[in-house]
N, C-alpha and C. Protein backbone atom coordinates (compact mmCIF):
# COMPACT_ATOMS: atom_id res chain seq x y z
N MET A 1 0.84 -1.16 0.00
CA MET A 1 0.00 0.00 0.00
C MET A 1 0.90 1.24 0.00
N HIS A 2 0.55 2.22 -0.79
CA HIS A 2 1.34 3.45 -0.87
C HIS A 2 1.10 4.34 0.35
N HIS A 3 -0.18 4.58 0.69
CA HIS A 3 -0.50 5.39 1.86
C HIS A 3 -1.98 5.23 2.21
N ALA A 4 -2.32 5.66 3.42
CA ALA A 4 -3.71 5.77 3.83
C ALA A 4 -4.00 7.26 3.97
N SER A 5 -5.16 7.68 3.51
CA SER A 5 -5.52 9.10 3.51
C SER A 5 -6.53 9.38 4.62
N ILE A 6 -6.27 10.45 5.37
CA ILE A 6 -7.12 10.82 6.49
C ILE A 6 -7.57 12.26 6.31
N ARG A 7 -8.86 12.47 6.32
CA ARG A 7 -9.40 13.83 6.28
C ARG A 7 -9.46 14.35 7.71
N THR A 8 -9.01 15.58 7.91
CA THR A 8 -8.93 16.14 9.25
C THR A 8 -9.56 17.53 9.30
N ALA A 9 -10.09 17.87 10.45
CA ALA A 9 -10.67 19.20 10.65
C ALA A 9 -9.59 20.26 10.80
N ASP A 10 -8.42 19.88 11.32
CA ASP A 10 -7.34 20.83 11.56
C ASP A 10 -6.02 20.13 11.27
N ILE A 11 -5.44 20.41 10.12
CA ILE A 11 -4.24 19.69 9.69
C ILE A 11 -3.06 19.92 10.64
N HIS A 12 -2.95 21.11 11.21
CA HIS A 12 -1.83 21.39 12.10
C HIS A 12 -1.96 20.58 13.40
N ARG A 13 -3.16 20.46 13.91
CA ARG A 13 -3.40 19.63 15.10
C ARG A 13 -3.12 18.16 14.78
N ALA A 14 -3.55 17.70 13.59
CA ALA A 14 -3.33 16.30 13.18
C ALA A 14 -1.84 16.02 12.99
N ILE A 15 -1.12 16.96 12.39
CA ILE A 15 0.33 16.79 12.22
C ILE A 15 1.00 16.64 13.58
N ALA A 16 0.65 17.51 14.52
CA ALA A 16 1.23 17.44 15.87
C ALA A 16 0.94 16.10 16.52
N PHE A 17 -0.28 15.59 16.34
CA PHE A 17 -0.64 14.28 16.91
C PHE A 17 0.24 13.18 16.33
N TYR A 18 0.32 13.11 15.00
CA TYR A 18 1.07 12.03 14.37
C TYR A 18 2.58 12.18 14.60
N GLU A 19 3.07 13.40 14.78
CA GLU A 19 4.48 13.57 15.14
C GLU A 19 4.74 12.95 16.52
N GLN A 20 3.80 13.06 17.45
CA GLN A 20 3.96 12.45 18.76
C GLN A 20 4.04 10.92 18.66
N LEU A 21 3.40 10.36 17.63
CA LEU A 21 3.46 8.91 17.41
C LEU A 21 4.76 8.49 16.73
N GLY A 22 5.54 9.47 16.26
CA GLY A 22 6.81 9.16 15.61
C GLY A 22 6.81 9.36 14.10
N PHE A 23 5.74 9.91 13.56
CA PHE A 23 5.70 10.18 12.13
C PHE A 23 6.52 11.44 11.83
N GLU A 24 7.07 11.48 10.61
CA GLU A 24 7.82 12.64 10.15
C GLU A 24 7.21 13.15 8.85
N MET A 25 7.26 14.46 8.69
CA MET A 25 6.74 15.10 7.48
C MET A 25 7.60 14.71 6.27
N CYS A 26 6.96 14.33 5.19
CA CYS A 26 7.67 14.02 3.94
C CYS A 26 7.46 15.13 2.91
N GLU A 27 6.20 15.47 2.71
CA GLU A 27 5.83 16.46 1.69
C GLU A 27 4.65 17.27 2.17
N ARG A 28 4.70 18.56 1.95
CA ARG A 28 3.53 19.42 2.14
C ARG A 28 3.06 19.83 0.75
N PHE A 29 1.74 19.84 0.55
CA PHE A 29 1.22 20.23 -0.76
C PHE A 29 -0.23 20.66 -0.61
N THR A 30 -0.82 21.10 -1.69
CA THR A 30 -2.24 21.43 -1.68
C THR A 30 -2.95 20.49 -2.64
N ALA A 31 -4.15 20.15 -2.30
CA ALA A 31 -5.03 19.34 -3.16
C ALA A 31 -6.21 20.25 -3.47
N GLY A 32 -6.14 20.93 -4.62
CA GLY A 32 -7.11 21.99 -4.90
C GLY A 32 -6.80 23.14 -3.97
N MET A 33 -7.77 23.53 -3.16
CA MET A 33 -7.56 24.61 -2.20
C MET A 33 -7.31 24.07 -0.79
N THR A 34 -7.15 22.77 -0.67
CA THR A 34 -7.02 22.12 0.64
C THR A 34 -5.56 21.87 0.98
N LEU A 35 -5.19 22.17 2.23
CA LEU A 35 -3.85 21.85 2.72
C LEU A 35 -3.72 20.35 2.87
N ALA A 36 -2.55 19.82 2.53
CA ALA A 36 -2.33 18.38 2.61
C ALA A 36 -0.86 18.10 2.89
N CYS A 37 -0.58 16.88 3.33
CA CYS A 37 0.80 16.45 3.53
C CYS A 37 0.87 14.92 3.55
N TRP A 38 2.08 14.43 3.32
CA TRP A 38 2.39 13.03 3.53
C TRP A 38 3.31 12.95 4.73
N MET A 39 3.09 11.94 5.55
CA MET A 39 3.95 11.69 6.71
C MET A 39 4.32 10.21 6.73
N LYS A 40 5.56 9.91 7.17
CA LYS A 40 6.03 8.53 7.29
C LYS A 40 6.29 8.21 8.75
N GLY A 41 5.96 6.97 9.12
CA GLY A 41 6.26 6.51 10.47
C GLY A 41 5.62 5.18 10.76
N LEU A 42 6.12 4.50 11.77
CA LEU A 42 5.59 3.21 12.20
C LEU A 42 5.42 2.23 11.04
N GLY A 43 6.34 2.29 10.10
CA GLY A 43 6.34 1.35 8.98
C GLY A 43 5.35 1.67 7.87
N GLY A 44 4.79 2.87 7.86
CA GLY A 44 3.81 3.21 6.82
C GLY A 44 3.83 4.69 6.48
N ARG A 45 2.92 5.07 5.61
CA ARG A 45 2.79 6.46 5.20
C ARG A 45 1.32 6.84 5.24
N ILE A 46 1.05 8.04 5.74
CA ILE A 46 -0.30 8.57 5.75
C ILE A 46 -0.33 9.89 4.98
N GLU A 47 -1.51 10.22 4.51
CA GLU A 47 -1.76 11.51 3.88
C GLU A 47 -2.81 12.20 4.74
N LEU A 48 -2.55 13.43 5.12
CA LEU A 48 -3.52 14.22 5.85
C LEU A 48 -4.08 15.28 4.92
N LEU A 49 -5.39 15.43 4.90
CA LEU A 49 -6.08 16.43 4.08
C LEU A 49 -6.99 17.24 4.98
N GLN A 50 -6.84 18.55 4.97
CA GLN A 50 -7.71 19.39 5.79
C GLN A 50 -9.04 19.60 5.07
N VAL A 51 -10.13 19.36 5.78
CA VAL A 51 -11.47 19.54 5.22
C VAL A 51 -11.91 20.98 5.51
N PRO A 52 -12.31 21.73 4.47
CA PRO A 52 -12.66 23.14 4.66
C PRO A 52 -13.82 23.38 5.63
N GLN A 53 -14.88 22.59 5.55
CA GLN A 53 -16.02 22.75 6.45
C GLN A 53 -16.33 21.39 7.07
N PRO A 54 -15.53 21.01 8.07
CA PRO A 54 -15.64 19.64 8.60
C PRO A 54 -16.92 19.41 9.40
N ARG A 55 -17.38 18.18 9.32
CA ARG A 55 -18.45 17.66 10.19
C ARG A 55 -17.81 16.62 11.08
N PRO A 56 -18.40 16.35 12.22
CA PRO A 56 -17.83 15.31 13.10
C PRO A 56 -17.76 13.96 12.37
N ALA A 57 -16.70 13.22 12.65
CA ALA A 57 -16.55 11.89 12.07
C ALA A 57 -17.53 10.92 12.71
N ALA A 58 -17.91 9.90 11.96
CA ALA A 58 -18.75 8.83 12.51
C ALA A 58 -17.97 8.13 13.62
N ASP A 59 -18.67 7.54 14.56
CA ASP A 59 -18.01 6.83 15.65
C ASP A 59 -17.75 5.39 15.22
N ALA A 60 -16.71 5.21 14.44
CA ALA A 60 -16.39 3.89 13.89
C ALA A 60 -16.06 2.89 14.99
N PHE A 61 -15.51 3.33 16.10
CA PHE A 61 -15.12 2.42 17.18
C PHE A 61 -16.30 2.06 18.07
N GLY A 62 -17.12 3.03 18.41
CA GLY A 62 -18.19 2.82 19.37
C GLY A 62 -19.53 2.39 18.79
N ASP A 63 -19.75 2.64 17.51
CA ASP A 63 -21.04 2.31 16.88
C ASP A 63 -20.93 0.95 16.20
N GLU A 64 -21.50 -0.07 16.82
CA GLU A 64 -21.38 -1.44 16.28
C GLU A 64 -22.13 -1.62 14.96
N HIS A 65 -22.94 -0.65 14.57
CA HIS A 65 -23.69 -0.75 13.32
C HIS A 65 -23.06 0.05 12.18
N TYR A 66 -21.97 0.78 12.49
CA TYR A 66 -21.25 1.57 11.50
C TYR A 66 -20.69 0.65 10.42
N THR A 67 -20.81 1.05 9.17
CA THR A 67 -20.16 0.32 8.08
C THR A 67 -19.18 1.26 7.40
N GLY A 68 -18.12 0.72 6.86
CA GLY A 68 -17.10 1.52 6.19
C GLY A 68 -15.74 1.21 6.80
N TYR A 69 -14.78 2.05 6.45
CA TYR A 69 -13.44 1.85 7.00
C TYR A 69 -13.50 1.96 8.51
N TYR A 70 -12.82 1.04 9.18
CA TYR A 70 -12.91 0.95 10.62
C TYR A 70 -11.71 1.63 11.31
N HIS A 71 -10.50 1.25 10.93
CA HIS A 71 -9.32 1.82 11.59
C HIS A 71 -8.07 1.54 10.77
N LEU A 72 -7.00 2.27 11.11
CA LEU A 72 -5.67 1.95 10.61
C LEU A 72 -5.00 1.10 11.68
N SER A 73 -4.18 0.14 11.27
CA SER A 73 -3.52 -0.73 12.21
C SER A 73 -2.01 -0.67 11.97
N PHE A 74 -1.26 -0.48 13.05
CA PHE A 74 0.19 -0.40 12.97
C PHE A 74 0.79 -1.58 13.72
N ASP A 75 1.60 -2.37 13.00
CA ASP A 75 2.25 -3.55 13.57
C ASP A 75 3.55 -3.12 14.22
N LEU A 76 3.60 -3.23 15.53
CA LEU A 76 4.77 -2.81 16.30
C LEU A 76 5.65 -3.98 16.72
N THR A 77 5.37 -5.18 16.19
CA THR A 77 6.06 -6.40 16.60
C THR A 77 7.58 -6.25 16.59
N ASP A 78 8.14 -5.68 15.53
CA ASP A 78 9.59 -5.57 15.40
C ASP A 78 10.14 -4.29 16.04
N MET A 79 9.26 -3.45 16.62
CA MET A 79 9.70 -2.16 17.15
C MET A 79 9.70 -2.08 18.67
N ILE A 80 8.86 -2.88 19.33
CA ILE A 80 8.73 -2.80 20.78
C ILE A 80 8.68 -4.20 21.38
N ASP A 81 8.91 -4.28 22.71
CA ASP A 81 8.86 -5.56 23.41
C ASP A 81 7.59 -5.75 24.21
N ASP A 82 6.89 -4.65 24.52
CA ASP A 82 5.70 -4.75 25.36
C ASP A 82 4.76 -3.60 25.01
N LEU A 83 3.55 -3.91 24.59
CA LEU A 83 2.59 -2.89 24.16
C LEU A 83 2.13 -2.03 25.33
N SER A 84 1.93 -2.62 26.50
CA SER A 84 1.50 -1.86 27.67
C SER A 84 2.53 -0.81 28.06
N ASP A 85 3.81 -1.20 28.08
CA ASP A 85 4.88 -0.25 28.41
C ASP A 85 4.96 0.86 27.37
N TRP A 86 4.86 0.49 26.09
CA TRP A 86 4.92 1.48 25.00
C TRP A 86 3.77 2.47 25.13
N LEU A 87 2.57 1.96 25.40
CA LEU A 87 1.40 2.84 25.51
C LEU A 87 1.50 3.74 26.74
N ALA A 88 2.01 3.23 27.84
CA ALA A 88 2.19 4.04 29.05
C ALA A 88 3.16 5.18 28.78
N SER A 89 4.24 4.88 28.08
CA SER A 89 5.21 5.91 27.71
C SER A 89 4.59 6.94 26.76
N LEU A 90 3.77 6.46 25.84
CA LEU A 90 3.11 7.35 24.88
C LEU A 90 2.14 8.29 25.60
N LYS A 91 1.41 7.77 26.61
CA LYS A 91 0.50 8.61 27.40
C LYS A 91 1.25 9.76 28.06
N ILE A 92 2.40 9.44 28.64
CA ILE A 92 3.22 10.47 29.30
C ILE A 92 3.70 11.50 28.28
N GLN A 93 4.15 11.01 27.15
CA GLN A 93 4.64 11.90 26.09
C GLN A 93 3.53 12.85 25.64
N PHE A 94 2.31 12.34 25.43
CA PHE A 94 1.19 13.17 25.01
C PHE A 94 0.79 14.14 26.13
N ALA A 95 0.84 13.70 27.38
CA ALA A 95 0.49 14.58 28.51
C ALA A 95 1.46 15.75 28.57
N GLN A 96 2.75 15.48 28.40
CA GLN A 96 3.75 16.54 28.42
C GLN A 96 3.55 17.49 27.24
N ALA A 97 3.26 16.95 26.05
CA ALA A 97 3.03 17.78 24.87
C ALA A 97 1.77 18.62 25.03
N SER A 98 0.77 18.09 25.72
CA SER A 98 -0.47 18.84 25.90
C SER A 98 -0.27 20.02 26.85
N GLU A 99 0.66 19.89 27.79
CA GLU A 99 0.97 20.99 28.70
C GLU A 99 1.57 22.17 27.97
N THR A 100 2.25 21.92 26.87
CA THR A 100 2.84 23.00 26.07
C THR A 100 1.90 23.48 24.97
N GLY A 101 0.73 22.82 24.86
CA GLY A 101 -0.25 23.23 23.86
C GLY A 101 -0.03 22.63 22.48
N LYS A 102 0.92 21.70 22.35
CA LYS A 102 1.21 21.10 21.05
C LYS A 102 0.10 20.16 20.58
N THR A 103 -0.50 19.45 21.51
CA THR A 103 -1.53 18.48 21.18
C THR A 103 -2.41 18.25 22.41
N GLN A 104 -3.45 17.45 22.25
CA GLN A 104 -4.34 17.09 23.35
C GLN A 104 -3.79 15.83 24.03
N PRO A 105 -4.21 15.56 25.26
CA PRO A 105 -3.82 14.28 25.90
C PRO A 105 -4.31 13.11 25.04
N LEU A 106 -3.64 12.00 25.15
CA LEU A 106 -3.98 10.81 24.37
C LEU A 106 -5.28 10.20 24.86
N THR A 107 -6.17 9.87 23.94
CA THR A 107 -7.43 9.21 24.26
C THR A 107 -7.28 7.72 23.96
N ILE A 108 -7.38 6.91 25.00
CA ILE A 108 -7.29 5.46 24.85
C ILE A 108 -8.70 4.91 24.63
N LEU A 109 -8.89 4.20 23.54
CA LEU A 109 -10.17 3.56 23.26
C LEU A 109 -10.22 2.14 23.81
N LEU A 110 -9.08 1.44 23.80
CA LEU A 110 -8.98 0.09 24.32
C LEU A 110 -7.57 -0.11 24.87
N GLU A 111 -7.49 -0.36 26.16
CA GLU A 111 -6.19 -0.65 26.78
C GLU A 111 -5.66 -1.96 26.19
N PRO A 112 -4.35 -2.19 26.25
CA PRO A 112 -3.79 -3.42 25.69
C PRO A 112 -4.48 -4.66 26.22
N THR A 113 -4.80 -5.53 25.31
CA THR A 113 -5.45 -6.80 25.63
C THR A 113 -4.90 -7.86 24.70
N GLN A 114 -4.99 -9.11 25.11
CA GLN A 114 -4.54 -10.21 24.25
C GLN A 114 -5.69 -10.66 23.37
N GLN A 115 -5.35 -11.00 22.14
CA GLN A 115 -6.34 -11.50 21.19
C GLN A 115 -5.72 -12.63 20.39
N ILE A 116 -6.45 -13.72 20.26
CA ILE A 116 -5.98 -14.85 19.46
C ILE A 116 -6.63 -14.76 18.09
N ILE A 117 -5.79 -14.75 17.06
CA ILE A 117 -6.26 -14.73 15.67
C ILE A 117 -5.56 -15.89 14.98
N GLY A 118 -6.34 -16.90 14.60
CA GLY A 118 -5.75 -18.11 14.04
C GLY A 118 -4.91 -18.79 15.10
N ASP A 119 -3.64 -19.06 14.79
CA ASP A 119 -2.76 -19.70 15.77
C ASP A 119 -1.81 -18.71 16.43
N ARG A 120 -2.08 -17.40 16.28
CA ARG A 120 -1.19 -16.38 16.84
C ARG A 120 -1.85 -15.62 17.98
N VAL A 121 -1.03 -15.22 18.93
CA VAL A 121 -1.48 -14.43 20.07
C VAL A 121 -0.91 -13.02 19.89
N TYR A 122 -1.81 -12.03 19.95
CA TYR A 122 -1.42 -10.63 19.77
C TYR A 122 -1.76 -9.82 21.01
N GLU A 123 -1.00 -8.75 21.21
CA GLU A 123 -1.39 -7.66 22.10
C GLU A 123 -2.02 -6.63 21.18
N VAL A 124 -3.15 -6.07 21.58
CA VAL A 124 -3.88 -5.11 20.76
C VAL A 124 -4.32 -3.94 21.63
N ALA A 125 -4.17 -2.73 21.12
CA ALA A 125 -4.67 -1.53 21.80
C ALA A 125 -5.20 -0.57 20.74
N PHE A 126 -6.15 0.28 21.16
CA PHE A 126 -6.69 1.31 20.26
C PHE A 126 -6.59 2.67 20.94
N VAL A 127 -6.24 3.69 20.15
CA VAL A 127 -6.29 5.08 20.59
C VAL A 127 -7.07 5.87 19.55
N ALA A 128 -7.49 7.07 19.92
CA ALA A 128 -8.17 7.97 18.99
C ALA A 128 -7.17 9.00 18.51
N ASP A 129 -7.22 9.31 17.20
CA ASP A 129 -6.33 10.35 16.69
C ASP A 129 -6.91 11.73 17.00
N ALA A 130 -6.35 12.77 16.43
CA ALA A 130 -6.75 14.14 16.73
C ALA A 130 -8.20 14.44 16.38
N ASP A 131 -8.77 13.67 15.44
CA ASP A 131 -10.17 13.84 15.04
C ASP A 131 -11.07 12.76 15.61
N GLY A 132 -10.54 11.93 16.49
CA GLY A 132 -11.33 10.87 17.10
C GLY A 132 -11.36 9.58 16.31
N LEU A 133 -10.58 9.47 15.24
CA LEU A 133 -10.58 8.26 14.43
C LEU A 133 -9.76 7.17 15.13
N PRO A 134 -10.24 5.92 15.11
CA PRO A 134 -9.52 4.85 15.82
C PRO A 134 -8.24 4.41 15.10
N LEU A 135 -7.20 4.23 15.91
CA LEU A 135 -5.93 3.69 15.43
C LEU A 135 -5.62 2.46 16.28
N GLU A 136 -5.26 1.37 15.62
CA GLU A 136 -4.93 0.14 16.33
C GLU A 136 -3.42 -0.05 16.34
N PHE A 137 -2.91 -0.52 17.47
CA PHE A 137 -1.51 -0.89 17.59
C PHE A 137 -1.48 -2.34 18.01
N ILE A 138 -0.71 -3.13 17.26
CA ILE A 138 -0.73 -4.58 17.43
C ILE A 138 0.70 -5.10 17.52
N ARG A 139 0.89 -6.11 18.39
CA ARG A 139 2.20 -6.75 18.52
C ARG A 139 1.98 -8.24 18.67
N MET A 140 2.61 -9.02 17.78
CA MET A 140 2.49 -10.46 17.89
C MET A 140 3.37 -10.95 19.05
N MET A 141 2.75 -11.74 19.93
CA MET A 141 3.45 -12.24 21.11
C MET A 141 3.98 -13.66 20.89
N GLY A 142 3.39 -14.40 19.99
CA GLY A 142 3.80 -15.77 19.73
C GLY A 142 2.64 -16.56 19.15
N THR A 143 2.78 -17.86 19.18
CA THR A 143 1.73 -18.73 18.68
C THR A 143 1.02 -19.38 19.86
N VAL A 144 -0.16 -19.90 19.61
CA VAL A 144 -0.94 -20.55 20.67
C VAL A 144 -0.13 -21.68 21.30
N LYS A 145 0.64 -22.38 20.51
CA LYS A 145 1.43 -23.52 21.00
C LYS A 145 2.47 -23.08 22.03
N ASN A 146 2.95 -21.83 21.92
CA ASN A 146 3.98 -21.31 22.83
C ASN A 146 3.40 -20.83 24.15
N PHE A 147 2.09 -20.69 24.24
CA PHE A 147 1.46 -20.14 25.46
C PHE A 147 0.93 -21.21 26.35
């Protein structure tokens, strides 16, 4: 996949949020009259597009009847050893950044939990981005046979 595109109400707020996650700016550009950028991080690339007259996003995480794109998922298996520790550190980082006005405190949608998919055991957590869109962070812990 080349990138995932995210429409945002405030591109500067969204950039600050994704920078806290470790993303870096690649390109700034306009799409028509809309501000836009590409950012790289966590093994992928996103495109942020500012919406001129934004409406609130659908509650893709909380509305069990919502249909459409659900979330972006970032595989942290090769980057971290423990999802709970990583998320705790991220909470502190966002809290400190919010004190300076760079971003809002981190909103956790789902604390790290184990999930079995096929024969693999994963740690899974969800947070909300600057516009409330769900982001999943996943780390493979091993196979069912190893547990």
